[in-house]
Every structure is written in structure tokens, then in C-alpha cells.
């Protein structure tokens, strides 16, 4: 019963954080939301008894991808116009 609740709660949180990452207008905030999404996804993989996939998702999804996104934002200039 508790395991089913955990799965449902994690999946709902993953969907909510994914929507939040899309809604945010600030790129850095979206990257932080995507990083949180990847960490929750790695937790779900661990609960599903796939620790090797969970470690890979945490290292690559939350760690490396977030670092690449942040570095690319730092090297570009924002030329968005406020509406």
C-alpha cells in the first residue's frame, strides 16, 4: 500500500515539475526544475529496483546535463524583449 502511494506520488511530482519547467520564463529556473525532475526520476528507478539505471540517471541527467545547460547559458546573451 505504501509502495503504491510512493510510486503515484513520485510520478505526479515528476509530471508537475515537468510542467513547471516548461512554464518558467527564466532559463536558470527551468534548468533547476529539470535537475529536480531528473533526481526524482532517479529515485523512481531506485524504488523500481534498478540501482544501476538510477545512478546513471542521477550522474548524467541531474549532474552533467545541468552543468552543460548552465555553461551554455553563461556563454550566451539574452536578447529577449519583455512583453
N, C-alpha and C. Protein backbone atom coordinates (compact mmCIF):
# COMPACT_ATOMS: atom_id res chain seq x y z
N UNK A 1 0.82 -1.19 0.00
CA UNK A 1 0.00 0.00 0.00
C UNK A 1 0.87 1.26 0.00
N UNK A 2 1.86 1.29 0.88
CA UNK A 2 2.73 2.46 0.95
C UNK A 2 3.59 2.57 -0.31
N UNK A 3 4.02 1.43 -0.84
CA UNK A 3 4.84 1.44 -2.05
C UNK A 3 4.05 2.00 -3.24
N UNK A 4 2.79 1.62 -3.35
CA UNK A 4 1.95 2.16 -4.43
C UNK A 4 1.76 3.66 -4.28
N UNK A 5 1.58 4.10 -3.03
CA UNK A 5 1.43 5.53 -2.78
C UNK A 5 2.70 6.29 -3.15
N UNK A 6 3.85 5.71 -2.84
CA UNK A 6 5.13 6.34 -3.18
C UNK A 6 5.29 6.47 -4.70
N UNK A 7 4.95 5.40 -5.42
CA UNK A 7 5.05 5.43 -6.89
C UNK A 7 4.14 6.51 -7.48
N UNK A 8 2.91 6.54 -7.01
CA UNK A 8 1.96 7.51 -7.53
C UNK A 8 2.40 8.93 -7.18
N UNK A 9 2.86 9.14 -5.95
CA UNK A 9 3.32 10.46 -5.53
C UNK A 9 4.51 10.92 -6.35
N UNK A 10 5.47 10.03 -6.57
CA UNK A 10 6.65 10.39 -7.37
C UNK A 10 6.28 10.70 -8.82
N UNK A 11 5.40 9.90 -9.39
CA UNK A 11 5.00 10.14 -10.78
C UNK A 11 4.24 11.46 -10.93
N UNK A 12 3.39 11.77 -9.96
CA UNK A 12 2.66 13.04 -10.00
C UNK A 12 3.63 14.20 -9.85
N UNK A 13 4.60 14.08 -8.94
CA UNK A 13 5.60 15.13 -8.76
C UNK A 13 6.45 15.31 -10.01
N UNK A 14 6.80 14.22 -10.68
CA UNK A 14 7.58 14.31 -11.91
C UNK A 14 6.81 15.08 -12.98
N UNK A 15 5.53 14.79 -13.13
CA UNK A 15 4.71 15.49 -14.12
C UNK A 15 4.56 16.97 -13.75
N UNK A 16 4.32 17.26 -12.47
CA UNK A 16 4.15 18.64 -12.03
C UNK A 16 5.43 19.45 -12.26
N UNK A 17 6.58 18.88 -11.90
CA UNK A 17 7.84 19.59 -12.07
C UNK A 17 8.16 19.75 -13.55
N UNK A 18 7.80 18.78 -14.37
CA UNK A 18 7.98 18.94 -15.82
C UNK A 18 7.16 20.09 -16.38
N UNK A 19 5.94 20.22 -15.91
CA UNK A 19 5.09 21.34 -16.35
C UNK A 19 5.65 22.66 -15.84
N UNK A 20 6.14 22.67 -14.61
CA UNK A 20 6.73 23.88 -14.05
C UNK A 20 7.96 24.30 -14.86
N UNK A 21 8.77 23.32 -15.26
CA UNK A 21 9.97 23.64 -16.05
C UNK A 21 9.60 24.26 -17.38
N UNK A 22 8.47 23.87 -17.94
CA UNK A 22 8.02 24.45 -19.21
C UNK A 22 7.44 25.85 -19.01
N UNK A 23 6.75 26.05 -17.90
CA UNK A 23 6.08 27.33 -17.65
C UNK A 23 7.06 28.45 -17.30
N UNK A 24 8.13 28.13 -16.58
CA UNK A 24 9.09 29.16 -16.16
C UNK A 24 9.64 29.91 -17.37
N UNK A 25 9.71 31.24 -17.24
CA UNK A 25 10.29 32.04 -18.31
C UNK A 25 11.80 32.21 -18.13
N UNK A 26 12.28 32.11 -16.90
CA UNK A 26 13.70 32.23 -16.64
C UNK A 26 14.38 30.90 -16.95
N UNK A 27 15.43 30.95 -17.76
CA UNK A 27 16.09 29.72 -18.18
C UNK A 27 16.77 29.00 -17.03
N UNK A 28 17.37 29.75 -16.11
CA UNK A 28 18.05 29.12 -14.99
C UNK A 28 17.05 28.41 -14.07
N UNK A 29 15.90 29.00 -13.86
CA UNK A 29 14.87 28.35 -13.05
C UNK A 29 14.37 27.07 -13.72
N UNK A 30 14.26 27.09 -15.04
CA UNK A 30 13.85 25.90 -15.78
C UNK A 30 14.89 24.79 -15.65
N UNK A 31 16.16 25.17 -15.67
CA UNK A 31 17.23 24.18 -15.52
C UNK A 31 17.20 23.56 -14.14
N UNK A 32 16.96 24.36 -13.11
CA UNK A 32 16.87 23.83 -11.75
C UNK A 32 15.68 22.87 -11.64
N UNK A 33 14.56 23.22 -12.27
CA UNK A 33 13.40 22.33 -12.25
C UNK A 33 13.69 21.02 -12.99
N UNK A 34 14.40 21.10 -14.11
CA UNK A 34 14.76 19.88 -14.83
C UNK A 34 15.72 19.01 -14.02
N UNK A 35 16.60 19.65 -13.28
CA UNK A 35 17.52 18.91 -12.42
C UNK A 35 16.74 18.19 -11.32
N UNK A 36 15.77 18.86 -10.74
CA UNK A 36 14.93 18.23 -9.72
C UNK A 36 14.12 17.08 -10.32
N UNK A 37 13.64 17.27 -11.54
CA UNK A 37 12.91 16.21 -12.23
C UNK A 37 13.80 14.98 -12.43
N UNK A 38 15.05 15.19 -12.84
CA UNK A 38 15.96 14.07 -13.04
C UNK A 38 16.28 13.36 -11.73
N UNK A 39 16.39 14.11 -10.65
CA UNK A 39 16.64 13.47 -9.35
C UNK A 39 15.45 12.64 -8.90
N UNK A 40 14.24 13.16 -9.12
CA UNK A 40 13.06 12.37 -8.78
C UNK A 40 12.94 11.13 -9.66
N UNK A 41 13.32 11.27 -10.91
CA UNK A 41 13.30 10.14 -11.82
C UNK A 41 14.30 9.07 -11.39
N UNK A 42 15.47 9.50 -10.93
CA UNK A 42 16.45 8.52 -10.45
C UNK A 42 15.96 7.85 -9.17
N UNK A 43 15.24 8.58 -8.33
CA UNK A 43 14.65 7.96 -7.14
C UNK A 43 13.60 6.92 -7.53
N UNK A 44 12.81 7.23 -8.53
CA UNK A 44 11.82 6.25 -9.01
C UNK A 44 12.49 5.00 -9.56
N UNK A 45 13.59 5.16 -10.30
CA UNK A 45 14.32 4.00 -10.79
C UNK A 45 14.86 3.15 -9.63
N UNK A 46 15.33 3.83 -8.58
CA UNK A 46 15.85 3.09 -7.43
C UNK A 46 14.73 2.32 -6.73
N UNK A 47 13.56 2.92 -6.61
CA UNK A 47 12.43 2.24 -5.98
C UNK A 47 11.99 1.06 -6.83
N UNK A 48 12.13 1.17 -8.15
CA UNK A 48 11.78 0.06 -9.04
C UNK A 48 12.88 -1.00 -9.12
N UNK A 49 13.85 -0.92 -8.22
CA UNK A 49 14.93 -1.89 -8.07
C UNK A 49 15.84 -1.94 -9.30
N UNK A 50 16.17 -0.76 -9.80
CA UNK A 50 17.13 -0.63 -10.88
C UNK A 50 18.20 0.38 -10.45
N UNK A 51 19.06 0.00 -9.49
CA UNK A 51 20.02 0.98 -8.95
C UNK A 51 21.06 1.43 -9.96
N UNK A 52 21.43 0.58 -10.91
CA UNK A 52 22.40 1.00 -11.91
C UNK A 52 21.84 2.09 -12.82
N UNK A 53 20.58 1.96 -13.19
CA UNK A 53 19.93 2.99 -14.00
C UNK A 53 19.74 4.26 -13.18
N UNK A 54 19.44 4.11 -11.90
CA UNK A 54 19.26 5.27 -11.02
C UNK A 54 20.55 6.06 -10.88
N UNK A 55 21.66 5.37 -10.71
CA UNK A 55 22.95 6.06 -10.59
C UNK A 55 23.30 6.76 -11.90
N UNK A 56 23.06 6.10 -13.01
CA UNK A 56 23.33 6.72 -14.32
C UNK A 56 22.45 7.95 -14.54
N UNK A 57 21.20 7.85 -14.19
CA UNK A 57 20.28 8.98 -14.35
C UNK A 57 20.68 10.15 -13.46
N UNK A 58 21.08 9.85 -12.24
CA UNK A 58 21.49 10.92 -11.33
C UNK A 58 22.78 11.59 -11.81
N UNK A 59 23.73 10.79 -12.27
CA UNK A 59 25.01 11.35 -12.69
C UNK A 59 24.90 12.11 -13.99
N UNK A 60 24.26 11.52 -14.97
CA UNK A 60 24.19 12.15 -16.29
C UNK A 60 23.03 13.14 -16.36
N UNK A 61 21.86 12.72 -15.94
CA UNK A 61 20.68 13.58 -16.06
C UNK A 61 20.73 14.79 -15.17
N UNK A 62 21.00 14.57 -13.88
CA UNK A 62 20.99 15.70 -12.95
C UNK A 62 22.33 16.42 -12.90
N UNK A 63 23.41 15.69 -13.04
CA UNK A 63 24.72 16.31 -12.90
C UNK A 63 25.27 16.91 -14.17
N UNK A 64 25.58 16.07 -15.12
CA UNK A 64 26.26 16.51 -16.34
C UNK A 64 25.39 17.41 -17.21
N UNK A 65 24.16 17.02 -17.41
CA UNK A 65 23.26 17.81 -18.26
C UNK A 65 23.01 19.19 -17.67
N UNK A 66 22.82 19.25 -16.36
CA UNK A 66 22.61 20.54 -15.71
C UNK A 66 23.83 21.43 -15.87
N UNK A 67 25.01 20.86 -15.71
CA UNK A 67 26.24 21.64 -15.86
C UNK A 67 26.39 22.15 -17.29
N UNK A 68 26.08 21.33 -18.28
CA UNK A 68 26.17 21.75 -19.68
C UNK A 68 25.17 22.87 -19.97
N UNK A 69 23.95 22.76 -19.47
CA UNK A 69 22.95 23.81 -19.68
C UNK A 69 23.39 25.12 -19.04
N UNK A 70 23.90 25.06 -17.82
CA UNK A 70 24.31 26.29 -17.14
C UNK A 70 25.50 26.93 -17.86
N UNK A 71 26.45 26.13 -18.30
CA UNK A 71 27.58 26.69 -19.04
C UNK A 71 27.14 27.32 -20.35
N UNK A 72 26.18 26.71 -21.02
CA UNK A 72 25.71 27.30 -22.28
C UNK A 72 24.94 28.59 -22.05
N UNK A 73 24.23 28.70 -20.94
CA UNK A 73 23.54 29.95 -20.63
C UNK A 73 24.55 31.05 -20.31
N UNK A 74 25.61 30.70 -19.60
CA UNK A 74 26.62 31.71 -19.26
C UNK A 74 27.33 32.23 -20.50
N UNK A 75 27.46 31.42 -21.53
CA UNK A 75 28.20 31.84 -22.73
C UNK A 75 27.33 32.55 -23.76
N UNK A 76 26.04 32.58 -23.56
CA UNK A 76 25.15 33.27 -24.49
C UNK A 76 24.58 34.52 -23.84
N UNK A 77 24.08 35.42 -24.67
CA UNK A 77 23.46 36.64 -24.17
C UNK A 77 21.97 36.56 -24.41
N UNK A 78 21.22 37.00 -23.43
CA UNK A 78 19.77 37.01 -23.58
C UNK A 78 19.35 38.28 -24.31
N UNK A 79 18.64 38.11 -25.38
CA UNK A 79 18.15 39.26 -26.14
C UNK A 79 16.63 39.23 -26.21
N UNK A 80 16.00 38.68 -25.17
CA UNK A 80 14.54 38.62 -25.15
C UNK A 80 13.98 40.00 -24.84
N UNK A 81 12.86 40.30 -25.44
CA UNK A 81 12.18 41.54 -25.14
C UNK A 81 11.03 41.23 -24.20
N UNK A 82 10.89 42.05 -23.18
CA UNK A 82 9.80 41.87 -22.23
C UNK A 82 8.49 42.31 -22.87
N UNK A 83 7.48 41.52 -22.65
CA UNK A 83 6.17 41.85 -23.23
C UNK A 83 5.35 42.63 -22.26
